Amino acid sequence: MRNYSTIRTFTVGQWLLLALVLFYVGALLVLPVVALVVRALAGGIQPLLDTFHNVNALHGLQLSISLAVIALVANGILGVGGALVLVRHRFFGRRFLDALIDLPFAVSPVMTGLAFLLLFGRDGWFEPLLGEWKVTFAFPGLVIATLFVTFPFTLREVGYVLEELGTLEEEAAVTLGASPFRVFWLVTLPNIRYGLGYGIILTVARALGEFGAVLVLGGAISGKTATTTTFIYNAIEERQEAAAFSMALVLAVASILLLAGLEWLKYQRSKEL
């Protein structure tokens, strides 16, 4: 039986602090989601169903899912590889590279889109090399923007786990004659699976919710480069509120499911510790 004695010993100040935190979380996180659900379903379920017959809405949803899958695969592979390089190796410039990885956290997505426009847009630095291959206001630009904003998540989560684990098990496997591939496949990968899971879930959530970079670099062209988030933006601008709130509700449900998956992974890991 759990002991709740610590709750009964809270001082008045601690109760006030707890109430303030709950109010803060509720006002900033819970209340907006509730308002979104109420507004999206205010006209019944039919407007939500009608949105899924909207060609532009479906295209935006498919585009967002495609970008999330690409980000998942790319960051799953490069994130693990990058984490192994940063944690397991020491080399000149390592600290600078380690700090550089957090750049997407510090730079505004809108600034990111503008920066890539300078590189790949009209009269951009790389325009002579691209020829007829179009990056800006096309699918490749959306991929670049999404990969940039999602890059740190998997690498950081896996890196934290690798630092916590150390190298004893890997060194023991090498001593027993295991090849580098077998060490990674049979020792390293099973040990980092939860960190990899955290990183992948955060990557997908970030990819689905990205707005600024894909808006600037993709142009939010309906039926071409408009993702789910930019479709919502366009729908609001065109006063198609039912479509906008319905698609926003879809994103909210996806985010909640991803959050539930993250909590499940945390629970599974806590049982093994």
Foldseek 3Di string as FASTA:
>chain_A
DDDPVVVVPDDPVRVVVVVVVVVVCCVPPVVVLVVLVCVLCVVHCVLLVVLCVDLLLVLQAVLLVVLLVLLLVVLLVVLLVLLCPLQVDDDPCSVVVVVVQCVLVVDDLLVVLVVVCLQQNVVHPCVVVCVPPHCFLASNQLNVSLNSNLNNQLNVLLNVQDNVVDCPQLVVCVVVPDDPVCSCVVPVCVSSVLSNLRSSLVSSLCSLPDDNNLCSRNVCDGPGSNHLVSVLVVCVVVVVNNSNSSSVNVSVVSNVVSVVVNVVSVVVVVVVD
